[in-house]
Protein backbone atom coordinates (compact mmCIF):
# COMPACT_ATOMS: atom_id res chain seq x y z
CA MET A 1 58.93 53.32 31.05
CA ALA A 2 59.14 56.79 32.56
CA ASN A 3 55.83 58.45 33.55
CA PHE A 4 55.57 62.01 32.21
CA PRO A 5 53.20 64.53 33.83
CA ARG A 6 50.02 65.11 31.90
CA ARG A 7 49.63 68.37 30.04
CA ARG A 8 47.57 70.89 31.97
CA PRO A 9 44.42 72.18 30.29
CA LYS A 10 44.34 75.77 29.19
CA ASN A 11 42.20 78.45 30.89
CA GLY A 12 41.53 76.23 33.85
CA VAL A 13 39.23 73.91 31.94
CA THR A 14 39.03 70.49 33.51
CA LEU A 15 39.05 67.63 31.12
CA ALA A 16 36.36 65.06 31.67
CA LYS A 17 37.62 61.66 32.72
CA PRO A 18 36.61 59.03 30.21
CA LYS A 19 34.07 56.60 31.53
CA ASN A 20 35.06 53.00 31.79
CA SER A 21 32.70 50.59 30.10
CA ARG A 22 31.38 47.56 31.87
CA PHE A 23 33.86 45.42 29.91
CA ALA A 24 36.96 47.55 30.66
CA ARG A 25 38.12 45.41 33.56
CA PHE A 26 38.04 42.31 31.37
CA ALA A 27 40.16 44.08 28.74
CA ARG A 28 42.69 45.00 31.43
CA LYS A 29 42.89 41.42 32.58
CA ALA A 30 43.49 40.26 29.01
CA ARG A 31 46.43 42.70 28.80
CA GLY A 32 47.79 41.61 32.19
CA GLU A 33 46.84 44.86 33.99
CA ASN A 34 45.21 45.26 37.39
CA GLU A 35 42.30 47.56 38.29
CA SER A 36 44.58 50.61 38.56
CA GLY A 37 45.91 50.09 35.03
CA VAL A 38 49.37 48.95 36.15
CA ALA A 39 50.82 45.99 34.30
CA GLY A 40 50.74 42.93 36.51
CA PRO A 41 52.12 39.42 36.20
CA ARG A 42 51.32 37.66 32.96
CA SER A 43 48.64 35.00 32.95
CA ARG A 44 49.85 31.45 33.50
CA GLY A 45 47.55 30.01 30.85
CA ILE A 46 48.91 28.02 27.91
CA TYR A 47 48.42 28.64 24.20
CA LEU A 48 46.22 26.15 22.43
CA LEU A 49 47.32 26.36 18.78
CA PRO A 50 51.07 25.56 18.94
CA ASN A 51 50.63 23.06 21.76
CA ALA A 52 47.94 21.27 19.75
CA PHE A 53 50.57 20.55 17.07
CA THR A 54 52.99 19.39 19.77
CA THR A 55 50.30 17.07 21.13
CA GLY A 56 49.78 15.71 17.62
CA ALA A 57 53.50 14.94 17.35
CA LEU A 58 53.39 13.25 20.75
CA PHE A 59 50.44 11.12 19.63
CA CYS A 60 52.34 10.07 16.49
CA GLY A 61 55.28 8.95 18.61
CA PHE A 62 52.99 6.96 20.88
CA TYR A 63 51.20 5.50 17.85
CA ALA A 64 54.56 4.41 16.38
CA ILE A 65 55.35 2.53 19.59
CA VAL A 66 51.97 0.78 19.56
CA MET A 67 52.33 -0.17 15.90
CA ALA A 68 55.83 -1.56 16.51
CA MET A 69 54.49 -3.72 19.32
CA ASN A 70 51.85 -5.01 16.88
CA GLN A 71 54.49 -5.74 14.21
CA ARG A 72 53.07 -3.11 11.83
CA PHE A 73 56.35 -1.41 11.09
CA GLU A 74 55.28 0.50 7.98
CA HIS A 75 52.63 2.35 9.99
CA ALA A 76 55.17 2.98 12.76
CA ALA A 77 57.72 4.48 10.35
CA TRP A 78 55.16 6.76 8.73
CA ALA A 79 54.00 7.93 12.16
CA ILE A 80 57.56 9.05 12.90
CA PHE A 81 57.68 11.08 9.68
CA ILE A 82 54.32 12.69 10.42
CA ALA A 83 55.63 13.60 13.88
CA MET A 84 58.56 15.33 12.16
CA VAL A 85 56.19 17.48 10.11
CA LEU A 86 54.12 18.45 13.16
CA ASP A 87 57.26 19.16 15.19
CA GLY A 88 58.49 21.49 12.48
CA LEU A 89 55.19 23.36 12.40
CA ASP A 90 54.56 23.98 16.11
CA GLY A 91 57.52 26.28 16.65
CA ARG A 92 56.93 28.24 13.45
CA ILE A 93 53.26 28.70 14.28
CA ALA A 94 54.18 29.87 17.77
CA ARG A 95 56.52 32.51 16.30
CA LEU A 96 54.04 33.62 13.65
CA THR A 97 51.23 34.01 16.18
CA ASN A 98 53.52 35.37 18.93
CA THR A 99 52.47 32.58 21.31
CA GLN A 100 55.89 31.42 22.51
CA SER A 101 56.09 30.25 26.10
CA GLU A 102 58.41 28.37 28.42
CA PHE A 103 55.70 25.75 28.84
CA GLY A 104 55.66 25.19 25.08
CA ALA A 105 59.44 24.80 24.99
CA GLN A 106 59.45 22.18 27.73
CA TYR A 107 56.42 20.37 26.31
CA ASP A 108 58.06 20.28 22.89
CA SER A 109 61.21 18.66 24.34
CA LEU A 110 59.19 15.98 26.12
CA SER A 111 57.25 15.28 22.93
CA ASP A 112 60.49 15.03 20.95
CA MET A 113 61.87 12.52 23.44
CA VAL A 114 58.91 10.23 22.84
CA SER A 115 58.61 10.73 19.07
CA PHE A 116 62.29 10.88 18.12
CA GLY A 117 63.93 9.08 21.03
CA ALA A 118 61.90 6.22 22.46
CA ALA A 119 59.75 5.47 19.39
CA PRO A 120 62.54 4.96 16.79
CA ALA A 121 64.59 2.93 19.28
CA LEU A 122 61.68 0.58 19.97
CA VAL A 123 60.71 0.35 16.29
CA ILE A 124 64.15 -0.74 15.10
CA TYR A 125 64.56 -3.06 18.09
CA GLU A 126 61.26 -4.84 17.46
CA TRP A 127 61.91 -4.99 13.72
CA SER A 128 65.52 -6.17 13.62
CA LEU A 129 67.59 -5.91 16.80
CA ARG A 130 65.66 -8.23 19.09
CA GLY A 131 67.33 -11.24 17.45
CA MET A 132 70.78 -10.05 18.60
CA GLY A 133 70.06 -10.45 22.30
CA LYS A 134 71.92 -8.04 24.56
CA LEU A 135 73.72 -6.34 21.69
CA GLY A 136 70.37 -5.47 20.16
CA TRP A 137 68.84 -3.71 23.13
CA ILE A 138 72.16 -2.04 23.94
CA ALA A 139 72.22 -0.47 20.46
CA ALA A 140 68.61 0.65 20.87
CA PHE A 141 69.43 2.11 24.28
CA VAL A 142 72.46 3.98 22.90
CA TYR A 143 70.16 5.62 20.37
CA CYS A 144 67.53 6.47 23.01
CA ALA A 145 70.13 7.87 25.42
CA GLY A 146 71.73 9.88 22.62
CA ALA A 147 68.38 11.49 21.83
CA ALA A 148 67.82 12.39 25.50
CA LEU A 149 71.30 13.89 25.83
CA ARG A 150 70.90 15.74 22.52
CA LEU A 151 67.65 17.36 23.64
CA ALA A 152 69.05 18.30 27.06
CA ARG A 153 72.14 19.88 25.49
CA PHE A 154 70.01 21.76 22.98
CA ASN A 155 67.95 23.34 25.76
CA THR A 156 71.01 24.36 27.78
CA ASN A 157 73.27 25.51 24.91
CA ILE A 158 70.69 27.36 22.84
CA GLU A 159 72.06 30.73 23.98
CA VAL A 160 75.66 30.05 22.95
CA VAL A 161 75.39 28.01 19.75
CA ASP A 162 75.64 29.53 16.28
CA LYS A 163 72.05 29.63 15.01
CA ARG A 164 73.16 28.61 11.51
CA PHE A 165 74.11 25.13 12.69
CA PHE A 166 72.93 22.37 15.01
CA GLN A 167 75.40 20.97 17.52
CA GLY A 168 75.21 17.32 16.61
CA LEU A 169 72.62 15.55 14.49
CA PRO A 170 69.09 16.82 15.29
CA SER A 171 66.89 14.19 16.88
CA PRO A 172 64.18 14.43 14.14
CA ALA A 173 66.82 13.77 11.47
CA ALA A 174 68.20 10.83 13.46
CA ALA A 175 64.69 9.44 13.79
CA ALA A 176 64.20 9.88 10.03
CA ILE A 177 67.36 7.85 9.34
CA VAL A 178 66.16 5.00 11.54
CA GLY A 179 62.54 5.17 10.43
CA GLY A 180 63.50 5.65 6.79
CA PHE A 181 65.69 2.54 6.84
CA VAL A 182 62.87 0.45 8.34
CA LEU A 183 60.38 1.87 5.84
CA LEU A 184 62.66 1.17 2.87
CA MET A 185 63.38 -2.40 3.88
CA VAL A 186 59.72 -3.14 4.62
CA ASP A 187 58.82 -1.72 1.20
CA MET A 188 61.42 -4.01 -0.39
CA GLU A 189 60.07 -6.93 1.67
CA VAL A 190 63.42 -7.63 3.30
CA PRO A 191 63.07 -9.32 6.74
CA GLY A 192 64.55 -7.30 9.55
CA LEU A 193 66.27 -10.29 11.16
CA GLN A 194 68.48 -10.59 8.06
CA LEU A 195 69.75 -7.03 8.56
CA SER A 196 70.53 -7.13 12.27
CA TRP A 197 74.10 -5.89 11.96
CA THR A 198 73.10 -3.16 9.51
CA SER A 199 70.39 -2.00 11.93
CA PHE A 200 72.96 -2.19 14.74
CA ALA A 201 75.33 0.10 12.83
CA ILE A 202 72.59 2.58 11.89
CA ALA A 203 71.28 2.81 15.47
CA LEU A 204 74.78 3.41 16.82
CA PHE A 205 75.60 5.93 14.08
CA ALA A 206 72.45 7.95 14.67
CA GLY A 207 72.71 7.77 18.47
CA LEU A 208 76.39 8.74 18.69
CA THR A 209 76.16 11.45 16.02
CA MET A 210 73.48 13.20 18.06
CA VAL A 211 75.93 13.76 20.94
CA THR A 212 78.93 14.82 18.86
CA ASN A 213 80.00 18.41 18.20
CA VAL A 214 79.69 17.94 14.45
CA PRO A 215 77.89 20.96 12.90
CA PHE A 216 74.76 20.33 10.85
CA TYR A 217 73.17 23.12 8.86
CA SER A 218 69.96 24.26 10.55
CA PHE A 219 68.25 26.04 7.61
CA LYS A 220 67.21 28.79 10.06
CA GLU A 221 68.61 31.46 7.73
CA LEU A 222 65.91 30.73 5.18
CA ASN A 223 63.37 33.54 5.24
CA PHE A 224 60.05 32.44 3.76
CA ARG A 225 58.69 35.99 3.89
CA LYS A 226 61.13 37.29 1.28
CA SER A 227 60.64 37.01 -2.44
CA VAL A 228 62.57 34.25 -4.19
CA PRO A 229 63.42 33.57 -7.84
CA PHE A 230 60.94 31.60 -9.89
CA ILE A 231 63.37 28.68 -10.15
CA ALA A 232 63.18 28.20 -6.37
CA VAL A 233 59.44 27.54 -6.53
CA PHE A 234 60.01 25.14 -9.41
CA LEU A 235 62.66 23.23 -7.46
CA ILE A 236 60.32 22.90 -4.47
CA ALA A 237 57.60 21.50 -6.72
CA LEU A 238 60.13 19.13 -8.29
CA PHE A 239 61.21 17.92 -4.85
CA PHE A 240 57.65 17.05 -3.83
CA ALA A 241 57.13 15.32 -7.17
CA LEU A 242 60.22 13.15 -6.65
CA VAL A 243 59.18 12.25 -3.11
CA SER A 244 55.69 11.29 -4.23
CA ILE A 245 57.03 8.89 -6.89
CA ASP A 246 58.48 6.47 -4.32
CA PRO A 247 58.76 7.96 -0.80
CA PRO A 248 60.71 5.10 0.86
CA LYS A 249 63.41 5.14 -1.84
CA VAL A 250 63.72 8.94 -1.73
CA LEU A 251 63.43 9.83 1.97
CA PHE A 252 66.02 7.44 3.36
CA PRO A 253 68.87 8.44 0.97
CA LEU A 254 67.96 12.09 1.51
CA PHE A 255 68.41 11.88 5.29
CA ILE A 256 71.51 9.72 4.95
CA VAL A 257 73.06 12.51 2.89
CA TYR A 258 72.09 15.02 5.57
CA GLY A 259 73.51 12.74 8.28
CA LEU A 260 76.85 12.64 6.47
CA SER A 261 76.86 16.34 5.55
CA GLY A 262 77.83 17.36 9.07
CA TYR A 263 80.99 15.27 8.93
CA ALA A 264 81.80 16.77 5.51
CA VAL A 265 81.50 20.29 6.98
CA PHE A 266 83.52 19.24 10.03
CA PHE A 267 86.48 17.87 8.05
CA TRP A 268 86.28 20.69 5.49
CA ARG A 269 86.63 23.27 8.27
CA MET A 270 89.45 21.28 9.81
CA ALA A 271 91.29 21.11 6.48
CA LYS A 272 90.88 24.87 5.94
CA GLY A 273 92.13 25.63 9.43
CA LYS A 274 88.81 27.14 10.47
CA PRO A 275 87.32 26.63 13.92
CA VAL A 276 85.15 23.50 14.01
CA SER A 277 83.28 24.57 17.14
CA ILE A 278 79.93 26.30 16.59
CA VAL A 279 79.76 27.67 20.14
CA GLN A 280 79.75 31.46 19.98
CA THR A 281 82.40 33.33 21.91
CA GLY A 282 80.79 36.76 21.70
CA HIS A 283 77.77 38.00 23.59
CA GLU A 284 74.80 38.11 21.26
CA PRO A 285 71.13 38.78 22.06
CA VAL A 286 69.12 35.62 22.58
CA ASP A 287 66.01 35.08 20.52
CA GLU A 288 63.58 33.56 22.98
CA SER A 289 61.40 32.34 20.15
CA GLU A 290 64.03 29.72 19.33
CA ARG A 291 63.20 28.03 22.62
CA ARG A 292 59.77 27.07 21.28
């Protein structure tokens, strides 16, 4: 910002310089200014509130792994869903409180790798795939590797991808498909070893879909600060009511539909002759808050 000369006082009157209080230097440090009032480098501290939610999601992923090792698969599946909720909140809270940071973005990716990459792979392997031998752990590894590649591509392509869509199946949705299937079958008391090939297909589907270029709607265009019709509030209440009736039988079909919706959009665009790539060709300003 340009520095304009101060206005001279009239009739030669000298304006008194305001006295600095004993706490002025601390206020300057909070704003990132040095003793002369010039803006200096920003503090390297981290923000507690959004990273606390990220830590909670990381704990849920770790808890899911521990529960899978103890053969308590219902607890493991629910831990994955709770991690999804916390992962969806940390970024929104960071944007609402203006506490975005590069540290938070990297920490969030590492937490997602544990909660939505390693944890679902280990849960479905311990529940069903371990009886298949090498094919079982290969399917689990394909899912885990797909989640890692999906997160790495998200971090590198965030500046060139259409914000309305995800490039490939998001890792939380892939984890919900795997965890939802385990939760549904445990609720129906179906042994996992009887569904080895079904678990094999689901793990491969979720893992490979994460690394495809299939567009999945991101719901980032929804603005919760704008007024909505009354029917929208009613539909939200109806959705929660349906989920609460029987969560395992509602959540898994819901995420299966979302997992197939990307392919429906992909082939619909192809049939209409529209571009199927969601990578932007124009130069658009980057919203750094999306990195959180």
